[in-house]
Amino acid sequence: APRRSGERRRWLETLVAEPRAAVF
């Protein structure tokens, strides 16, 4: 996962509608 909160939240936004399980 990205280290910084801002980058991390933008990354998490890409998973909002992701139908697959995500592992990190």
PDB file of all heavy atoms in Angstrom:
ATOM      1  N   ALA A   1       0.840  -1.191   0.000  1.00  0.00           N
ATOM      2  CA  ALA A   1       0.000   0.000   0.000  1.00  0.00           C
ATOM      3  C   ALA A   1       0.881   1.249   0.000  1.00  0.00           C
ATOM      4  O   ALA A   1       1.969   1.240   0.592  1.00  0.00           O
ATOM      5  CB  ALA A   1      -0.911   0.005   1.227  1.00  0.00           C
ATOM      6  N   PRO A   2       0.450   2.332  -0.662  1.00  0.00           N
ATOM      7  CA  PRO A   2       1.228   3.577  -0.630  1.00  0.00           C
ATOM      8  C   PRO A   2       1.451   4.049   0.802  1.00  0.00           C
ATOM      9  O   PRO A   2       0.601   3.875   1.677  1.00  0.00           O
ATOM     10  CB  PRO A   2       0.337   4.556  -1.405  1.00  0.00           C
ATOM     11  CG  PRO A   2      -0.471   3.686  -2.312  1.00  0.00           C
ATOM     12  CD  PRO A   2      -0.738   2.438  -1.523  1.00  0.00           C
ATOM     13  N   ARG A   3       2.606   4.673   1.018  1.00  0.00           N
ATOM     14  CA  ARG A   3       2.970   5.094   2.372  1.00  0.00           C
ATOM     15  C   ARG A   3       2.189   6.324   2.852  1.00  0.00           C
ATOM     16  O   ARG A   3       1.801   6.407   4.012  1.00  0.00           O
ATOM     17  CB  ARG A   3       4.472   5.410   2.435  1.00  0.00           C
ATOM     18  CG  ARG A   3       5.369   4.191   2.277  1.00  0.00           C
ATOM     19  CD  ARG A   3       6.815   4.598   2.136  1.00  0.00           C
ATOM     20  NE  ARG A   3       7.703   3.441   2.076  1.00  0.00           N
ATOM     21  CZ  ARG A   3       8.342   2.927   3.120  1.00  0.00           C
ATOM     22  NH1 ARG A   3       8.179   3.480   4.317  1.00  0.00           N
ATOM     23  NH2 ARG A   3       9.128   1.880   2.990  1.00  0.00           N
ATOM     24  N   ARG A   4       1.967   7.293   1.956  1.00  0.00           N
ATOM     25  CA  ARG A   4       1.333   8.553   2.356  1.00  0.00           C
ATOM     26  C   ARG A   4      -0.188   8.452   2.257  1.00  0.00           C
ATOM     27  O   ARG A   4      -0.724   7.845   1.323  1.00  0.00           O
ATOM     28  CB  ARG A   4       1.845   9.700   1.494  1.00  0.00           C
ATOM     29  CG  ARG A   4       3.350   9.923   1.618  1.00  0.00           C
ATOM     30  CD  ARG A   4       3.794  11.091   0.745  1.00  0.00           C
ATOM     31  NE  ARG A   4       5.232  11.281   0.811  1.00  0.00           N
ATOM     32  CZ  ARG A   4       5.862  11.961   1.774  1.00  0.00           C
ATOM     33  NH1 ARG A   4       5.142  12.531   2.741  1.00  0.00           N
ATOM     34  NH2 ARG A   4       7.178  12.087   1.764  1.00  0.00           N
ATOM     35  N   SER A   5      -0.867   9.097   3.210  1.00  0.00           N
ATOM     36  CA  SER A   5      -2.317   8.966   3.292  1.00  0.00           C
ATOM     37  C   SER A   5      -3.016   9.442   2.028  1.00  0.00           C
ATOM     38  O   SER A   5      -3.949   8.802   1.542  1.00  0.00           O
ATOM     39  CB  SER A   5      -2.856   9.743   4.496  1.00  0.00           C
ATOM     40  OG  SER A   5      -4.259   9.587   4.599  1.00  0.00           O
ATOM     41  N   GLY A   6      -2.577  10.579   1.458  1.00  0.00           N
ATOM     42  CA  GLY A   6      -3.224  11.087   0.259  1.00  0.00           C
ATOM     43  C   GLY A   6      -3.119  10.119  -0.898  1.00  0.00           C
ATOM     44  O   GLY A   6      -4.111   9.827  -1.587  1.00  0.00           O
ATOM     45  N   GLU A   7      -1.919   9.597  -1.137  1.00  0.00           N
ATOM     46  CA  GLU A   7      -1.719   8.620  -2.202  1.00  0.00           C
ATOM     47  C   GLU A   7      -2.483   7.335  -1.904  1.00  0.00           C
ATOM     48  O   GLU A   7      -3.036   6.700  -2.800  1.00  0.00           O
ATOM     49  CB  GLU A   7      -0.234   8.312  -2.355  1.00  0.00           C
ATOM     50  CG  GLU A   7       0.604   9.497  -2.811  1.00  0.00           C
ATOM     51  CD  GLU A   7       2.081   9.149  -2.862  1.00  0.00           C
ATOM     52  OE1 GLU A   7       2.422   7.954  -2.682  1.00  0.00           O
ATOM     53  OE2 GLU A   7       2.896  10.057  -3.069  1.00  0.00           O
ATOM     54  N   ARG A   8      -2.503   6.974  -0.630  1.00  0.00           N
ATOM     55  CA  ARG A   8      -3.186   5.741  -0.237  1.00  0.00           C
ATOM     56  C   ARG A   8      -4.685   5.850  -0.498  1.00  0.00           C
ATOM     57  O   ARG A   8      -5.319   4.907  -0.995  1.00  0.00           O
ATOM     58  CB  ARG A   8      -2.901   5.456   1.236  1.00  0.00           C
ATOM     59  CG  ARG A   8      -3.288   4.062   1.685  1.00  0.00           C
ATOM     60  CD  ARG A   8      -2.599   3.708   2.974  1.00  0.00           C
ATOM     61  NE  ARG A   8      -2.811   4.682   4.019  1.00  0.00           N
ATOM     62  CZ  ARG A   8      -1.834   5.239   4.737  1.00  0.00           C
ATOM     63  NH1 ARG A   8      -0.573   4.915   4.512  1.00  0.00           N
ATOM     64  NH2 ARG A   8      -2.106   6.109   5.692  1.00  0.00           N
ATOM     65  N   ARG A   9      -5.267   6.989  -0.180  1.00  0.00           N
ATOM     66  CA  ARG A   9      -6.701   7.156  -0.410  1.00  0.00           C
ATOM     67  C   ARG A   9      -7.024   7.160  -1.899  1.00  0.00           C
ATOM     68  O   ARG A   9      -8.047   6.612  -2.317  1.00  0.00           O
ATOM     69  CB  ARG A   9      -7.202   8.441   0.252  1.00  0.00           C
ATOM     70  CG  ARG A   9      -7.230   8.348   1.776  1.00  0.00           C
ATOM     71  CD  ARG A   9      -8.074   9.420   2.388  1.00  0.00           C
ATOM     72  NE  ARG A   9      -8.178   9.275   3.833  1.00  0.00           N
ATOM     73  CZ  ARG A   9      -9.194   9.714   4.556  1.00  0.00           C
ATOM     74  NH1 ARG A   9     -10.196  10.338   3.981  1.00  0.00           N
ATOM     75  NH2 ARG A   9      -9.209   9.548   5.867  1.00  0.00           N
ATOM     76  N   ARG A  10      -6.165   7.778  -2.710  1.00  0.00           N
ATOM     77  CA  ARG A  10      -6.398   7.753  -4.154  1.00  0.00           C
ATOM     78  C   ARG A  10      -6.294   6.324  -4.688  1.00  0.00           C
ATOM     79  O   ARG A  10      -7.055   5.925  -5.588  1.00  0.00           O
ATOM     80  CB  ARG A  10      -5.399   8.668  -4.860  1.00  0.00           C
ATOM     81  CG  ARG A  10      -5.688  10.149  -4.667  1.00  0.00           C
ATOM     82  CD  ARG A  10      -4.842  11.009  -5.571  1.00  0.00           C
ATOM     83  NE  ARG A  10      -3.439  11.002  -5.188  1.00  0.00           N
ATOM     84  CZ  ARG A  10      -2.902  11.818  -4.289  1.00  0.00           C
ATOM     85  NH1 ARG A  10      -3.664  12.711  -3.666  1.00  0.00           N
ATOM     86  NH2 ARG A  10      -1.618  11.753  -3.990  1.00  0.00           N
ATOM     87  N   TRP A  11      -5.355   5.551  -4.138  1.00  0.00           N
ATOM     88  CA  TRP A  11      -5.244   4.145  -4.532  1.00  0.00           C
ATOM     89  C   TRP A  11      -6.486   3.368  -4.112  1.00  0.00           C
ATOM     90  O   TRP A  11      -7.033   2.576  -4.898  1.00  0.00           O
ATOM     91  CB  TRP A  11      -3.988   3.550  -3.896  1.00  0.00           C
ATOM     92  CG  TRP A  11      -3.954   2.057  -3.873  1.00  0.00           C
ATOM     93  CD1 TRP A  11      -3.884   1.213  -4.936  1.00  0.00           C
ATOM     94  CD2 TRP A  11      -4.026   1.220  -2.710  1.00  0.00           C
ATOM     95  NE1 TRP A  11      -3.880  -0.097  -4.510  1.00  0.00           N
ATOM     96  CE2 TRP A  11      -3.968  -0.115  -3.155  1.00  0.00           C
ATOM     97  CE3 TRP A  11      -4.098   1.487  -1.340  1.00  0.00           C
ATOM     98  CZ2 TRP A  11      -4.011  -1.192  -2.269  1.00  0.00           C
ATOM     99  CZ3 TRP A  11      -4.132   0.414  -0.460  1.00  0.00           C
ATOM    100  CH2 TRP A  11      -4.098  -0.903  -0.929  1.00  0.00           C
ATOM    101  N   LEU A  12      -6.965   3.581  -2.903  1.00  0.00           N
ATOM    102  CA  LEU A  12      -8.153   2.884  -2.419  1.00  0.00           C
ATOM    103  C   LEU A  12      -9.385   3.231  -3.260  1.00  0.00           C
ATOM    104  O   LEU A  12     -10.274   2.393  -3.440  1.00  0.00           O
ATOM    105  CB  LEU A  12      -8.404   3.216  -0.951  1.00  0.00           C
ATOM    106  CG  LEU A  12      -7.442   2.567   0.054  1.00  0.00           C
ATOM    107  CD1 LEU A  12      -7.548   3.243   1.420  1.00  0.00           C
ATOM    108  CD2 LEU A  12      -7.720   1.063   0.177  1.00  0.00           C
ATOM    109  N   GLU A  13      -9.428   4.452  -3.773  1.00  0.00           N
ATOM    110  CA  GLU A  13     -10.563   4.846  -4.619  1.00  0.00           C
ATOM    111  C   GLU A  13     -10.647   3.986  -5.872  1.00  0.00           C
ATOM    112  O   GLU A  13     -11.738   3.763  -6.415  1.00  0.00           O
ATOM    113  CB  GLU A  13     -10.450   6.328  -4.983  1.00  0.00           C
ATOM    114  CG  GLU A  13     -10.779   7.258  -3.819  1.00  0.00           C
ATOM    115  CD  GLU A  13     -10.437   8.705  -4.101  1.00  0.00           C
ATOM    116  OE1 GLU A  13      -9.928   8.995  -5.215  1.00  0.00           O
ATOM    117  OE2 GLU A  13     -10.674   9.560  -3.227  1.00  0.00           O
ATOM    118  N   THR A  14      -9.503   3.483  -6.344  1.00  0.00           N
ATOM    119  CA  THR A  14      -9.528   2.612  -7.521  1.00  0.00           C
ATOM    120  C   THR A  14     -10.133   1.247  -7.206  1.00  0.00           C
ATOM    121  O   THR A  14     -10.463   0.488  -8.119  1.00  0.00           O
ATOM    122  CB  THR A  14      -8.108   2.406  -8.101  1.00  0.00           C
ATOM    123  OG1 THR A  14      -7.318   1.629  -7.183  1.00  0.00           O
ATOM    124  CG2 THR A  14      -7.421   3.743  -8.353  1.00  0.00           C
ATOM    125  N   LEU A  15     -10.268   0.941  -5.905  1.00  0.00           N
ATOM    126  CA  LEU A  15     -10.818  -0.350  -5.498  1.00  0.00           C
ATOM    127  C   LEU A  15     -12.291  -0.265  -5.092  1.00  0.00           C
ATOM    128  O   LEU A  15     -12.887  -1.282  -4.747  1.00  0.00           O
ATOM    129  CB  LEU A  15     -10.009  -0.910  -4.322  1.00  0.00           C
ATOM    130  CG  LEU A  15      -8.521  -1.148  -4.585  1.00  0.00           C
ATOM    131  CD1 LEU A  15      -7.834  -1.636  -3.314  1.00  0.00           C
ATOM    132  CD2 LEU A  15      -8.307  -2.140  -5.715  1.00  0.00           C
ATOM    133  N   VAL A  16     -12.871   0.938  -5.138  1.00  0.00           N
ATOM    134  CA  VAL A  16     -14.254   1.111  -4.699  1.00  0.00           C
ATOM    135  C   VAL A  16     -15.196   0.199  -5.477  1.00  0.00           C
ATOM    136  O   VAL A  16     -16.071  -0.461  -4.906  1.00  0.00           O
ATOM    137  CB  VAL A  16     -14.693   2.585  -4.849  1.00  0.00           C
ATOM    138  CG1 VAL A  16     -16.201   2.716  -4.639  1.00  0.00           C
ATOM    139  CG2 VAL A  16     -13.958   3.460  -3.850  1.00  0.00           C
ATOM    140  N   ALA A  17     -15.042   0.149  -6.792  1.00  0.00           N
ATOM    141  CA  ALA A  17     -15.930  -0.673  -7.621  1.00  0.00           C
ATOM    142  C   ALA A  17     -15.251  -1.937  -8.136  1.00  0.00           C
ATOM    143  O   ALA A  17     -15.822  -2.638  -8.974  1.00  0.00           O
ATOM    144  CB  ALA A  17     -16.445   0.151  -8.801  1.00  0.00           C
ATOM    145  N   GLU A  18     -14.050  -2.257  -7.617  1.00  0.00           N
ATOM    146  CA  GLU A  18     -13.320  -3.444  -8.080  1.00  0.00           C
ATOM    147  C   GLU A  18     -14.061  -4.717  -7.651  1.00  0.00           C
ATOM    148  O   GLU A  18     -14.209  -4.977  -6.462  1.00  0.00           O
ATOM    149  CB  GLU A  18     -11.906  -3.444  -7.495  1.00  0.00           C
ATOM    150  CG  GLU A  18     -11.087  -4.694  -7.759  1.00  0.00           C
ATOM    151  CD  GLU A  18     -10.957  -5.009  -9.226  1.00  0.00           C
ATOM    152  OE1 GLU A  18     -10.342  -4.206  -9.946  1.00  0.00           O
ATOM    153  OE2 GLU A  18     -11.506  -6.058  -9.649  1.00  0.00           O
ATOM    154  N   PRO A  19     -14.525  -5.529  -8.625  1.00  0.00           N
ATOM    155  CA  PRO A  19     -15.300  -6.715  -8.246  1.00  0.00           C
ATOM    156  C   PRO A  19     -14.448  -7.869  -7.731  1.00  0.00           C
ATOM    157  O   PRO A  19     -14.963  -8.788  -7.105  1.00  0.00           O
ATOM    158  CB  PRO A  19     -16.001  -7.097  -9.560  1.00  0.00           C
ATOM    159  CG  PRO A  19     -15.079  -6.607 -10.634  1.00  0.00           C
ATOM    160  CD  PRO A  19     -14.470  -5.344 -10.090  1.00  0.00           C
ATOM    161  N   ARG A  20     -13.139  -7.824  -7.990  1.00  0.00           N
ATOM    162  CA  ARG A  20     -12.262  -8.908  -7.542  1.00  0.00           C
ATOM    163  C   ARG A  20     -11.767  -8.658  -6.126  1.00  0.00           C
ATOM    164  O   ARG A  20     -11.679  -7.517  -5.678  1.00  0.00           O
ATOM    165  CB  ARG A  20     -11.056  -9.024  -8.472  1.00  0.00           C
ATOM    166  CG  ARG A  20     -11.389  -9.359  -9.904  1.00  0.00           C
ATOM    167  CD  ARG A  20     -10.185  -9.210 -10.806  1.00  0.00           C
ATOM    168  NE  ARG A  20      -9.725  -7.819 -10.871  1.00  0.00           N
ATOM    169  CZ  ARG A  20      -8.673  -7.409 -11.550  1.00  0.00           C
ATOM    170  NH1 ARG A  20      -7.948  -8.289 -12.214  1.00  0.00           N
ATOM    171  NH2 ARG A  20      -8.334  -6.128 -11.565  1.00  0.00           N
ATOM    172  N   ALA A  21     -11.444  -9.719  -5.412  1.00  0.00           N
ATOM    173  CA  ALA A  21     -10.772  -9.565  -4.121  1.00  0.00           C
ATOM    174  C   ALA A  21      -9.423  -8.899  -4.385  1.00  0.00           C
ATOM    175  O   ALA A  21      -8.797  -9.132  -5.414  1.00  0.00           O
ATOM    176  CB  ALA A  21     -10.580 -10.915  -3.456  1.00  0.00           C
ATOM    177  N   ALA A  22      -8.986  -8.048  -3.468  1.00  0.00           N
ATOM    178  CA  ALA A  22      -7.702  -7.353  -3.612  1.00  0.00           C
ATOM    179  C   ALA A  22      -6.792  -7.739  -2.458  1.00  0.00           C
ATOM    180  O   ALA A  22      -7.201  -7.718  -1.293  1.00  0.00           O
ATOM    181  CB  ALA A  22      -7.910  -5.842  -3.639  1.00  0.00           C
ATOM    182  N   VAL A  23      -5.555  -8.095  -2.776  1.00  0.00           N
ATOM    183  CA  VAL A  23      -4.571  -8.488  -1.770  1.00  0.00           C
ATOM    184  C   VAL A  23      -3.435  -7.474  -1.786  1.00  0.00           C
ATOM    185  O   VAL A  23      -2.976  -7.074  -2.859  1.00  0.00           O
ATOM    186  CB  VAL A  23      -3.992  -9.884  -2.067  1.00  0.00           C
ATOM    187  CG1 VAL A  23      -3.120 -10.358  -0.910  1.00  0.00           C
ATOM    188  CG2 VAL A  23      -5.104 -10.874  -2.340  1.00  0.00           C
ATOM    189  N   PHE A  24      -2.999  -7.059  -0.609  1.00  0.00           N
ATOM    190  CA  PHE A  24      -1.845  -6.164  -0.554  1.00  0.00           C
ATOM    191  C   PHE A  24      -1.062  -6.393   0.731  1.00  0.00           C
ATOM    192  O   PHE A  24      -1.573  -6.952   1.700  1.00  0.00           O
ATOM    193  CB  PHE A  24      -2.264  -4.695  -0.679  1.00  0.00           C
ATOM    194  CG  PHE A  24      -3.109  -4.150   0.443  1.00  0.00           C
ATOM    195  CD1 PHE A  24      -2.530  -3.538   1.551  1.00  0.00           C
ATOM    196  CD2 PHE A  24      -4.491  -4.230   0.390  1.00  0.00           C
ATOM    197  CE1 PHE A  24      -3.303  -3.016   2.579  1.00  0.00           C
ATOM    198  CE2 PHE A  24      -5.281  -3.720   1.412  1.00  0.00           C
ATOM    199  CZ  PHE A  24      -4.679  -3.112   2.505  1.00  0.00           C
TER     200      PHE A  24
END
